[in-house]
Amino acid sequence: MKKLYVKIAVVCLLCSSMLTTSCIGSFSLTNRLLDWNQTVGNKFLNELVFFAFWVLPVYEVSCLADVLVLNSIEFWSGSNPMAKGTRVIEGNDGRYLVECDGKGYTIKSENDGSIVRLDFDAEEQTWSFEANGERHVLFTFVDDTHVQLPVNGGADYRTVEISQAGVYAYQQMTGATMFAAR
């Protein structure tokens, strides 16, 4: 009787793994837990906490929650429920607070208090930023291998291939435009 339950569990596990192919997900809960562990202290304390979290099934539970719940939500809805939150970024010129609300990012400089908002418009497939009350388009996805980028101060757009050669051509085009405007 016990062997029957084991066989049924293995069959259910295999069948459920077939349903989740191509849905790897970002494992955001587990990655946050691992990131937190790296900030606890020195490498010996980090290893001790890491080992303790494996013995007490903290990592196993977080991974299971990622696999069964969070990655499924991310796959079907297109947004990650764990992506929301605020992070501190240390830049060369100071600290920045980056807040994600699931729709975009608000970046606040701790140096001068300036705020920049980055947003993705899913309908238009466009990334834009807003600073000082003005909205500027950064780029628009055309397809999997091309984007439209602004030229002439945003008055016109050029389709550019997403490759090293495409980026180089865009740099040359904008450099020539900037050089001609001087």
N, C-alpha and C. Protein backbone atom coordinates (compact mmCIF):
# COMPACT_ATOMS: atom_id res chain seq x y z
N MET A 1 0.82 -1.19 0.00
CA MET A 1 0.00 0.00 0.00
C MET A 1 0.87 1.26 0.00
N LYS A 2 1.95 1.25 0.80
CA LYS A 2 2.83 2.41 0.88
C LYS A 2 3.54 2.65 -0.44
N LYS A 3 3.91 1.57 -1.15
CA LYS A 3 4.58 1.70 -2.44
C LYS A 3 3.66 2.34 -3.47
N LEU A 4 2.36 2.08 -3.36
CA LEU A 4 1.39 2.67 -4.28
C LEU A 4 1.37 4.19 -4.12
N TYR A 5 1.41 4.70 -2.88
CA TYR A 5 1.43 6.14 -2.64
C TYR A 5 2.70 6.77 -3.20
N VAL A 6 3.82 6.10 -3.06
CA VAL A 6 5.08 6.62 -3.59
C VAL A 6 5.00 6.68 -5.11
N LYS A 7 4.47 5.64 -5.75
CA LYS A 7 4.35 5.63 -7.21
C LYS A 7 3.41 6.74 -7.69
N ILE A 8 2.31 6.91 -6.99
CA ILE A 8 1.37 7.97 -7.36
C ILE A 8 2.02 9.35 -7.20
N ALA A 9 2.77 9.55 -6.11
CA ALA A 9 3.45 10.82 -5.89
C ALA A 9 4.47 11.09 -6.98
N VAL A 10 5.22 10.07 -7.40
CA VAL A 10 6.22 10.24 -8.45
C VAL A 10 5.54 10.56 -9.78
N VAL A 11 4.45 9.89 -10.10
CA VAL A 11 3.72 10.16 -11.34
C VAL A 11 3.16 11.59 -11.32
N CYS A 12 2.59 12.02 -10.19
CA CYS A 12 2.06 13.38 -10.09
C CYS A 12 3.17 14.41 -10.23
N LEU A 13 4.32 14.14 -9.62
CA LEU A 13 5.45 15.05 -9.73
C LEU A 13 5.94 15.16 -11.17
N LEU A 14 6.05 14.03 -11.85
CA LEU A 14 6.48 14.06 -13.25
C LEU A 14 5.47 14.77 -14.14
N CYS A 15 4.20 14.52 -13.91
CA CYS A 15 3.16 15.19 -14.71
C CYS A 15 3.17 16.70 -14.47
N SER A 16 3.32 17.11 -13.21
CA SER A 16 3.35 18.54 -12.94
C SER A 16 4.60 19.20 -13.50
N SER A 17 5.71 18.47 -13.56
CA SER A 17 6.92 19.06 -14.14
C SER A 17 6.75 19.26 -15.64
N MET A 18 5.97 18.43 -16.30
CA MET A 18 5.71 18.61 -17.73
C MET A 18 4.85 19.86 -17.97
N LEU A 19 3.99 20.19 -17.01
CA LEU A 19 3.15 21.38 -17.16
C LEU A 19 3.92 22.67 -16.98
N THR A 20 5.06 22.61 -16.31
CA THR A 20 5.81 23.83 -16.02
C THR A 20 7.07 23.96 -16.86
N THR A 21 7.18 23.24 -17.95
CA THR A 21 8.35 23.41 -18.81
C THR A 21 8.33 24.79 -19.42
N SER A 22 9.47 25.36 -19.65
CA SER A 22 9.65 26.71 -20.20
C SER A 22 9.20 27.79 -19.23
N CYS A 23 8.92 27.44 -18.01
CA CYS A 23 8.52 28.43 -17.01
C CYS A 23 9.52 28.37 -15.87
N ILE A 24 10.71 28.82 -16.12
CA ILE A 24 11.73 28.73 -15.09
C ILE A 24 11.45 29.75 -14.00
N GLY A 25 11.14 30.95 -14.36
CA GLY A 25 10.85 31.98 -13.38
C GLY A 25 12.12 32.58 -12.80
N SER A 26 11.96 33.58 -11.97
CA SER A 26 13.11 34.30 -11.45
C SER A 26 13.50 33.86 -10.05
N PHE A 27 12.71 33.02 -9.39
CA PHE A 27 12.99 32.55 -8.04
C PHE A 27 13.33 33.72 -7.12
N SER A 28 12.49 34.74 -7.16
CA SER A 28 12.77 35.99 -6.46
C SER A 28 12.79 35.82 -4.94
N LEU A 29 11.92 35.02 -4.37
CA LEU A 29 11.91 34.83 -2.92
C LEU A 29 13.20 34.16 -2.46
N THR A 30 13.60 33.10 -3.13
CA THR A 30 14.83 32.39 -2.77
C THR A 30 16.04 33.28 -2.98
N ASN A 31 16.07 34.03 -4.07
CA ASN A 31 17.19 34.94 -4.32
C ASN A 31 17.26 36.05 -3.28
N ARG A 32 16.11 36.57 -2.85
CA ARG A 32 16.12 37.59 -1.79
C ARG A 32 16.66 37.01 -0.48
N LEU A 33 16.27 35.78 -0.20
CA LEU A 33 16.76 35.12 1.01
C LEU A 33 18.28 34.92 0.94
N LEU A 34 18.77 34.49 -0.20
CA LEU A 34 20.22 34.32 -0.38
C LEU A 34 20.95 35.66 -0.31
N ASP A 35 20.38 36.71 -0.92
CA ASP A 35 20.99 38.04 -0.85
C ASP A 35 21.04 38.55 0.59
N TRP A 36 19.97 38.31 1.35
CA TRP A 36 19.96 38.72 2.74
C TRP A 36 21.05 37.99 3.51
N ASN A 37 21.20 36.69 3.25
CA ASN A 37 22.21 35.90 3.95
C ASN A 37 23.61 36.46 3.71
N GLN A 38 23.88 37.00 2.56
CA GLN A 38 25.21 37.54 2.26
C GLN A 38 25.48 38.84 3.01
N THR A 39 24.47 39.47 3.56
CA THR A 39 24.66 40.72 4.30
C THR A 39 24.73 40.51 5.80
N VAL A 40 24.59 39.28 6.26
CA VAL A 40 24.55 39.00 7.69
C VAL A 40 25.85 39.35 8.38
N GLY A 41 26.96 39.00 7.80
CA GLY A 41 28.24 39.27 8.45
C GLY A 41 29.39 38.77 7.61
N ASN A 42 30.42 38.27 8.27
CA ASN A 42 31.57 37.76 7.54
C ASN A 42 31.24 36.42 6.89
N LYS A 43 32.16 35.87 6.13
CA LYS A 43 31.87 34.66 5.35
C LYS A 43 31.62 33.44 6.24
N PHE A 44 32.19 33.40 7.44
CA PHE A 44 31.96 32.27 8.33
C PHE A 44 30.54 32.30 8.90
N LEU A 45 30.10 33.49 9.29
CA LEU A 45 28.73 33.63 9.78
C LEU A 45 27.73 33.37 8.66
N ASN A 46 28.03 33.86 7.45
CA ASN A 46 27.15 33.60 6.30
C ASN A 46 27.02 32.11 6.04
N GLU A 47 28.14 31.38 6.13
CA GLU A 47 28.12 29.93 5.91
C GLU A 47 27.31 29.23 7.00
N LEU A 48 27.45 29.69 8.23
CA LEU A 48 26.70 29.11 9.34
C LEU A 48 25.20 29.31 9.14
N VAL A 49 24.80 30.52 8.77
CA VAL A 49 23.38 30.80 8.50
C VAL A 49 22.90 29.98 7.31
N PHE A 50 23.73 29.91 6.27
CA PHE A 50 23.37 29.12 5.08
C PHE A 50 23.13 27.66 5.46
N PHE A 51 24.03 27.08 6.24
CA PHE A 51 23.89 25.69 6.67
C PHE A 51 22.66 25.51 7.55
N ALA A 52 22.44 26.45 8.47
CA ALA A 52 21.27 26.36 9.35
C ALA A 52 19.97 26.44 8.55
N PHE A 53 19.95 27.28 7.52
CA PHE A 53 18.74 27.40 6.71
C PHE A 53 18.50 26.16 5.85
N TRP A 54 19.53 25.38 5.57
CA TRP A 54 19.34 24.12 4.87
C TRP A 54 18.85 23.04 5.83
N VAL A 55 19.39 23.03 7.05
CA VAL A 55 18.97 22.03 8.03
C VAL A 55 17.53 22.28 8.45
N LEU A 56 17.24 23.52 8.86
CA LEU A 56 15.85 23.93 9.07
C LEU A 56 15.35 24.22 7.65
N PRO A 57 14.33 23.65 7.16
CA PRO A 57 14.05 23.73 5.72
C PRO A 57 13.59 25.10 5.22
N VAL A 58 14.33 26.16 5.56
CA VAL A 58 13.96 27.51 5.13
C VAL A 58 14.14 27.65 3.62
N TYR A 59 15.31 27.24 3.11
CA TYR A 59 15.57 27.35 1.67
C TYR A 59 14.64 26.43 0.88
N GLU A 60 14.39 25.25 1.41
CA GLU A 60 13.50 24.32 0.71
C GLU A 60 12.09 24.88 0.60
N VAL A 61 11.61 25.48 1.69
CA VAL A 61 10.25 26.06 1.68
C VAL A 61 10.19 27.26 0.74
N SER A 62 11.22 28.12 0.77
CA SER A 62 11.20 29.29 -0.12
C SER A 62 11.28 28.86 -1.58
N CYS A 63 12.08 27.84 -1.86
CA CYS A 63 12.18 27.35 -3.24
C CYS A 63 10.85 26.73 -3.68
N LEU A 64 10.23 25.98 -2.80
CA LEU A 64 8.94 25.38 -3.12
C LEU A 64 7.87 26.46 -3.35
N ALA A 65 7.89 27.51 -2.53
CA ALA A 65 6.95 28.62 -2.72
C ALA A 65 7.19 29.31 -4.06
N ASP A 66 8.47 29.47 -4.42
CA ASP A 66 8.79 30.05 -5.73
C ASP A 66 8.26 29.18 -6.86
N VAL A 67 8.54 27.88 -6.79
CA VAL A 67 8.17 26.97 -7.87
C VAL A 67 6.65 26.87 -8.02
N LEU A 68 5.96 26.66 -6.90
CA LEU A 68 4.52 26.39 -6.98
C LEU A 68 3.66 27.64 -7.08
N VAL A 69 4.08 28.74 -6.45
CA VAL A 69 3.20 29.91 -6.39
C VAL A 69 3.76 31.11 -7.16
N LEU A 70 4.90 31.64 -6.71
CA LEU A 70 5.38 32.92 -7.24
C LEU A 70 5.78 32.85 -8.71
N ASN A 71 6.50 31.79 -9.12
CA ASN A 71 6.88 31.67 -10.52
C ASN A 71 5.66 31.44 -11.41
N SER A 72 4.65 30.75 -10.89
CA SER A 72 3.41 30.56 -11.66
C SER A 72 2.68 31.88 -11.84
N ILE A 73 2.62 32.68 -10.77
CA ILE A 73 2.00 34.01 -10.88
C ILE A 73 2.76 34.86 -11.89
N GLU A 74 4.11 34.80 -11.81
CA GLU A 74 4.94 35.57 -12.73
C GLU A 74 4.71 35.13 -14.17
N PHE A 75 4.60 33.82 -14.39
CA PHE A 75 4.40 33.30 -15.75
C PHE A 75 3.05 33.73 -16.32
N TRP A 76 1.97 33.56 -15.55
CA TRP A 76 0.64 33.82 -16.08
C TRP A 76 0.29 35.30 -16.10
N SER A 77 0.77 36.09 -15.14
CA SER A 77 0.40 37.50 -15.10
C SER A 77 1.42 38.39 -15.80
N GLY A 78 2.66 37.90 -15.94
CA GLY A 78 3.70 38.70 -16.57
C GLY A 78 4.40 39.65 -15.61
N SER A 79 3.99 39.65 -14.34
CA SER A 79 4.66 40.50 -13.36
C SER A 79 5.04 39.66 -12.15
N ASN A 80 6.11 40.06 -11.52
CA ASN A 80 6.63 39.33 -10.38
C ASN A 80 6.13 39.98 -9.09
N PRO A 81 5.37 39.25 -8.27
CA PRO A 81 4.85 39.86 -7.04
C PRO A 81 5.93 40.20 -6.03
N MET A 82 7.11 39.61 -6.13
CA MET A 82 8.21 39.89 -5.20
C MET A 82 9.10 41.03 -5.69
N ALA A 83 8.88 41.52 -6.91
CA ALA A 83 9.74 42.56 -7.46
C ALA A 83 9.52 43.91 -6.80
N LYS A 84 8.38 44.07 -6.16
CA LYS A 84 8.07 45.35 -5.53
C LYS A 84 8.96 45.56 -4.31
N GLY A 85 9.31 46.80 -4.06
CA GLY A 85 10.14 47.11 -2.90
C GLY A 85 11.13 48.21 -3.22
N THR A 86 11.96 48.54 -2.23
CA THR A 86 12.95 49.60 -2.38
C THR A 86 14.33 49.03 -2.13
N ARG A 87 15.27 49.45 -2.95
CA ARG A 87 16.67 49.05 -2.79
C ARG A 87 17.54 50.29 -2.78
N VAL A 88 18.66 50.18 -2.11
CA VAL A 88 19.64 51.26 -2.08
C VAL A 88 20.78 50.87 -3.00
N ILE A 89 21.13 51.78 -3.91
CA ILE A 89 22.22 51.54 -4.86
C ILE A 89 23.32 52.55 -4.56
N GLU A 90 24.53 52.05 -4.39
CA GLU A 90 25.70 52.91 -4.18
C GLU A 90 26.32 53.19 -5.54
N GLY A 91 26.26 54.42 -6.01
CA GLY A 91 26.85 54.79 -7.29
C GLY A 91 28.17 55.52 -7.07
N ASN A 92 28.85 55.81 -8.15
CA ASN A 92 30.11 56.54 -8.06
C ASN A 92 29.91 57.95 -7.52
N ASP A 93 28.72 58.51 -7.75
CA ASP A 93 28.46 59.89 -7.32
C ASP A 93 27.43 59.97 -6.20
N GLY A 94 27.23 58.88 -5.44
CA GLY A 94 26.33 58.94 -4.30
C GLY A 94 25.40 57.76 -4.22
N ARG A 95 24.45 57.86 -3.30
CA ARG A 95 23.47 56.80 -3.07
C ARG A 95 22.15 57.15 -3.75
N TYR A 96 21.49 56.10 -4.22
CA TYR A 96 20.19 56.25 -4.87
C TYR A 96 19.22 55.26 -4.26
N LEU A 97 17.98 55.69 -4.05
CA LEU A 97 16.91 54.82 -3.61
C LEU A 97 16.10 54.44 -4.84
N VAL A 98 16.01 53.15 -5.13
CA VAL A 98 15.26 52.67 -6.29
C VAL A 98 14.06 51.91 -5.77
N GLU A 99 12.87 52.42 -6.08
CA GLU A 99 11.63 51.80 -5.63
C GLU A 99 10.90 51.22 -6.83
N CYS A 100 10.57 49.94 -6.72
CA CYS A 100 9.82 49.26 -7.78
C CYS A 100 8.39 49.06 -7.30
N ASP A 101 7.44 49.46 -8.12
CA ASP A 101 6.04 49.28 -7.77
C ASP A 101 5.35 48.24 -8.66
N GLY A 102 6.14 47.49 -9.43
CA GLY A 102 5.58 46.48 -10.31
C GLY A 102 5.25 47.01 -11.69
N LYS A 103 5.18 48.33 -11.86
CA LYS A 103 4.90 48.94 -13.15
C LYS A 103 6.09 49.73 -13.68
N GLY A 104 6.99 50.08 -12.78
CA GLY A 104 8.15 50.86 -13.16
C GLY A 104 9.02 51.14 -11.95
N TYR A 105 9.94 52.08 -12.11
CA TYR A 105 10.92 52.38 -11.07
C TYR A 105 10.95 53.88 -10.79
N THR A 106 11.04 54.22 -9.51
CA THR A 106 11.25 55.60 -9.10
C THR A 106 12.64 55.66 -8.49
N ILE A 107 13.50 56.50 -9.04
CA ILE A 107 14.89 56.60 -8.60
C ILE A 107 15.07 57.98 -7.97
N LYS A 108 15.47 57.98 -6.70
CA LYS A 108 15.67 59.24 -5.97
C LYS A 108 17.13 59.33 -5.55
N SER A 109 17.75 60.44 -5.90
CA SER A 109 19.13 60.69 -5.50
C SER A 109 19.15 61.22 -4.08
N GLU A 110 19.98 60.62 -3.22
CA GLU A 110 20.12 61.13 -1.87
C GLU A 110 21.03 62.35 -1.83
N ASN A 111 21.76 62.62 -2.92
CA ASN A 111 22.65 63.78 -2.99
C ASN A 111 21.86 65.07 -3.12
N ASP A 112 21.04 65.16 -4.17
CA ASP A 112 20.33 66.41 -4.43
C ASP A 112 18.81 66.27 -4.35
N GLY A 113 18.30 65.07 -4.06
CA GLY A 113 16.86 64.88 -3.93
C GLY A 113 16.11 64.80 -5.24
N SER A 114 16.84 64.78 -6.38
CA SER A 114 16.16 64.70 -7.68
C SER A 114 15.51 63.33 -7.85
N ILE A 115 14.41 63.33 -8.58
CA ILE A 115 13.64 62.10 -8.77
C ILE A 115 13.45 61.87 -10.27
N VAL A 116 13.69 60.63 -10.69
CA VAL A 116 13.46 60.22 -12.08
C VAL A 116 12.55 59.00 -12.02
N ARG A 117 11.58 58.94 -12.90
CA ARG A 117 10.64 57.83 -12.96
C ARG A 117 10.84 57.10 -14.28
N LEU A 118 11.08 55.76 -14.22
CA LEU A 118 11.16 54.91 -15.41
C LEU A 118 9.89 54.08 -15.48
N ASP A 119 9.23 54.09 -16.64
CA ASP A 119 7.99 53.33 -16.80
C ASP A 119 8.03 52.51 -18.08
N PHE A 120 7.38 51.34 -18.03
CA PHE A 120 7.20 50.52 -19.22
C PHE A 120 5.73 50.48 -19.55
N ASP A 121 5.38 50.90 -20.77
CA ASP A 121 4.00 50.86 -21.25
C ASP A 121 3.86 49.57 -22.06
N ALA A 122 3.17 48.59 -21.48
CA ALA A 122 3.05 47.27 -22.12
C ALA A 122 2.27 47.35 -23.43
N GLU A 123 1.30 48.25 -23.49
CA GLU A 123 0.48 48.37 -24.71
C GLU A 123 1.31 48.90 -25.87
N GLU A 124 2.13 49.90 -25.62
CA GLU A 124 2.97 50.50 -26.66
C GLU A 124 4.34 49.84 -26.76
N GLN A 125 4.68 48.97 -25.77
CA GLN A 125 5.99 48.31 -25.70
C GLN A 125 7.12 49.34 -25.63
N THR A 126 6.93 50.37 -24.79
CA THR A 126 7.85 51.50 -24.73
C THR A 126 8.36 51.72 -23.30
N TRP A 127 9.67 51.92 -23.18
CA TRP A 127 10.28 52.37 -21.93
C TRP A 127 10.47 53.87 -22.04
N SER A 128 10.05 54.59 -21.00
CA SER A 128 10.21 56.05 -20.98
C SER A 128 10.64 56.49 -19.58
N PHE A 129 11.12 57.72 -19.50
CA PHE A 129 11.44 58.28 -18.19
C PHE A 129 10.81 59.65 -18.06
N GLU A 130 10.53 60.01 -16.81
CA GLU A 130 9.96 61.32 -16.52
C GLU A 130 10.86 62.01 -15.52
N ALA A 131 11.28 63.20 -15.88
CA ALA A 131 12.11 64.02 -14.99
C ALA A 131 11.67 65.47 -15.14
N ASN A 132 11.57 66.17 -14.03
CA ASN A 132 11.15 67.58 -14.02
C ASN A 132 9.81 67.79 -14.72
N GLY A 133 8.92 66.82 -14.59
CA GLY A 133 7.59 66.94 -15.17
C GLY A 133 7.50 66.66 -16.65
N GLU A 134 8.60 66.30 -17.30
CA GLU A 134 8.58 66.01 -18.73
C GLU A 134 8.84 64.52 -18.96
N ARG A 135 8.07 63.95 -19.91
CA ARG A 135 8.21 62.54 -20.26
C ARG A 135 9.02 62.42 -21.55
N HIS A 136 10.00 61.50 -21.53
CA HIS A 136 10.85 61.27 -22.69
C HIS A 136 10.90 59.76 -22.98
N VAL A 137 10.73 59.40 -24.24
CA VAL A 137 10.79 58.00 -24.63
C VAL A 137 12.25 57.58 -24.75
N LEU A 138 12.60 56.47 -24.10
CA LEU A 138 13.94 55.92 -24.23
C LEU A 138 14.04 55.03 -25.47
N PHE A 139 13.12 54.06 -25.56
CA PHE A 139 13.06 53.21 -26.75
C PHE A 139 11.75 52.45 -26.77
N THR A 140 11.41 51.95 -27.97
CA THR A 140 10.20 51.16 -28.18
C THR A 140 10.61 49.86 -28.86
N PHE A 141 10.12 48.76 -28.34
CA PHE A 141 10.39 47.46 -28.96
C PHE A 141 9.59 47.35 -30.25
N VAL A 142 10.27 46.99 -31.35
CA VAL A 142 9.61 46.76 -32.62
C VAL A 142 9.29 45.27 -32.74
N ASP A 143 10.29 44.44 -32.51
CA ASP A 143 10.16 42.99 -32.47
C ASP A 143 11.26 42.45 -31.56
N ASP A 144 11.54 41.16 -31.64
CA ASP A 144 12.54 40.56 -30.75
C ASP A 144 13.96 41.03 -31.02
N THR A 145 14.22 41.57 -32.19
CA THR A 145 15.60 41.93 -32.54
C THR A 145 15.78 43.41 -32.91
N HIS A 146 14.72 44.22 -32.79
CA HIS A 146 14.82 45.63 -33.18
C HIS A 146 14.10 46.53 -32.17
N VAL A 147 14.64 47.74 -31.99
CA VAL A 147 14.00 48.77 -31.19
C VAL A 147 14.02 50.08 -31.96
N GLN A 148 13.12 50.97 -31.61
CA GLN A 148 13.13 52.32 -32.17
C GLN A 148 13.74 53.23 -31.12
N LEU A 149 14.76 53.99 -31.54
CA LEU A 149 15.46 54.90 -30.64
C LEU A 149 15.32 56.33 -31.14
N PRO A 150 15.25 57.30 -30.22
CA PRO A 150 15.10 58.69 -30.64
C PRO A 150 16.40 59.26 -31.22
N VAL A 151 16.26 60.10 -32.22
CA VAL A 151 17.37 60.88 -32.79
C VAL A 151 16.89 62.32 -32.91
N ASN A 152 17.80 63.25 -33.12
CA ASN A 152 17.48 64.67 -33.25
C ASN A 152 16.70 65.19 -32.03
N GLY A 153 17.17 64.81 -30.84
CA GLY A 153 16.52 65.29 -29.63
C GLY A 153 15.12 64.75 -29.42
N GLY A 154 14.81 63.62 -30.01
CA GLY A 154 13.49 63.02 -29.85
C GLY A 154 12.50 63.44 -30.91
N ALA A 155 12.94 64.25 -31.87
CA ALA A 155 12.03 64.70 -32.92
C ALA A 155 11.78 63.59 -33.94
N ASP A 156 12.68 62.62 -34.03
CA ASP A 156 12.57 61.55 -35.01
C ASP A 156 13.02 60.25 -34.35
N TYR A 157 12.66 59.13 -34.95
CA TYR A 157 13.05 57.82 -34.42
C TYR A 157 13.67 56.98 -35.52
N ARG A 158 14.64 56.15 -35.15
CA ARG A 158 15.30 55.22 -36.07
C ARG A 158 15.17 53.81 -35.51
N THR A 159 14.91 52.86 -36.39
CA THR A 159 14.87 51.46 -36.00
C THR A 159 16.29 50.92 -36.00
N VAL A 160 16.67 50.31 -34.88
CA VAL A 160 18.03 49.83 -34.69
C VAL A 160 17.98 48.35 -34.29
N GLU A 161 18.89 47.58 -34.86
CA GLU A 161 19.00 46.17 -34.50
C GLU A 161 19.62 46.06 -33.11
N ILE A 162 19.09 45.14 -32.30
CA ILE A 162 19.64 44.92 -30.97
C ILE A 162 20.85 44.00 -31.10
N SER A 163 21.98 44.60 -31.38
CA SER A 163 23.24 43.89 -31.52
C SER A 163 24.36 44.90 -31.32
N GLN A 164 25.57 44.42 -31.24
CA GLN A 164 26.70 45.33 -31.09
C GLN A 164 26.82 46.24 -32.30
N ALA A 165 26.61 45.68 -33.49
CA ALA A 165 26.69 46.48 -34.71
C ALA A 165 25.58 47.52 -34.76
N GLY A 166 24.38 47.16 -34.31
CA GLY A 166 23.28 48.10 -34.30
C GLY A 166 23.51 49.25 -33.33
N VAL A 167 24.02 48.93 -32.15
CA VAL A 167 24.31 49.98 -31.16
C VAL A 167 25.42 50.88 -31.67
N TYR A 168 26.43 50.31 -32.29
CA TYR A 168 27.53 51.11 -32.85
C TYR A 168 27.01 52.05 -33.94
N ALA A 169 26.13 51.53 -34.82
CA ALA A 169 25.56 52.37 -35.88
C ALA A 169 24.74 53.50 -35.27
N TYR A 170 23.99 53.23 -34.20
CA TYR A 170 23.21 54.27 -33.54
C TYR A 170 24.13 55.32 -32.92
N GLN A 171 25.22 54.87 -32.30
CA GLN A 171 26.18 55.81 -31.72
C GLN A 171 26.77 56.70 -32.80
N GLN A 172 27.11 56.11 -33.93
CA GLN A 172 27.67 56.89 -35.03
C GLN A 172 26.65 57.90 -35.56
N MET A 173 25.40 57.46 -35.68
CA MET A 173 24.34 58.33 -36.19
C MET A 173 24.10 59.50 -35.23
N THR A 174 24.00 59.24 -33.94
CA THR A 174 23.74 60.32 -33.00
C THR A 174 24.97 61.19 -32.82
N GLY A 175 26.16 60.60 -32.90
CA GLY A 175 27.38 61.40 -32.83
C GLY A 175 27.47 62.34 -34.01
N ALA A 176 27.10 61.83 -35.19
CA ALA A 176 27.13 62.68 -36.40
C ALA A 176 26.07 63.76 -36.30
N THR A 177 24.89 63.42 -35.75
CA THR A 177 23.83 64.41 -35.60
C THR A 177 24.24 65.47 -34.60
N MET A 178 24.85 65.05 -33.49
CA MET A 178 25.27 66.01 -32.48
C MET A 178 26.41 66.89 -33.02
N PHE A 179 27.28 66.29 -33.80
CA PHE A 179 28.41 67.03 -34.38
C PHE A 179 27.89 68.05 -35.40
N ALA A 180 26.88 67.65 -36.19
CA ALA A 180 26.33 68.55 -37.21
C ALA A 180 25.56 69.70 -36.58
N ALA A 181 24.98 69.48 -35.39
CA ALA A 181 24.19 70.53 -34.74
C ALA A 181 25.08 71.59 -34.11
N ARG A 182 26.35 71.31 -33.89
CA ARG A 182 27.24 72.28 -33.23
C ARG A 182 27.63 73.34 -34.14
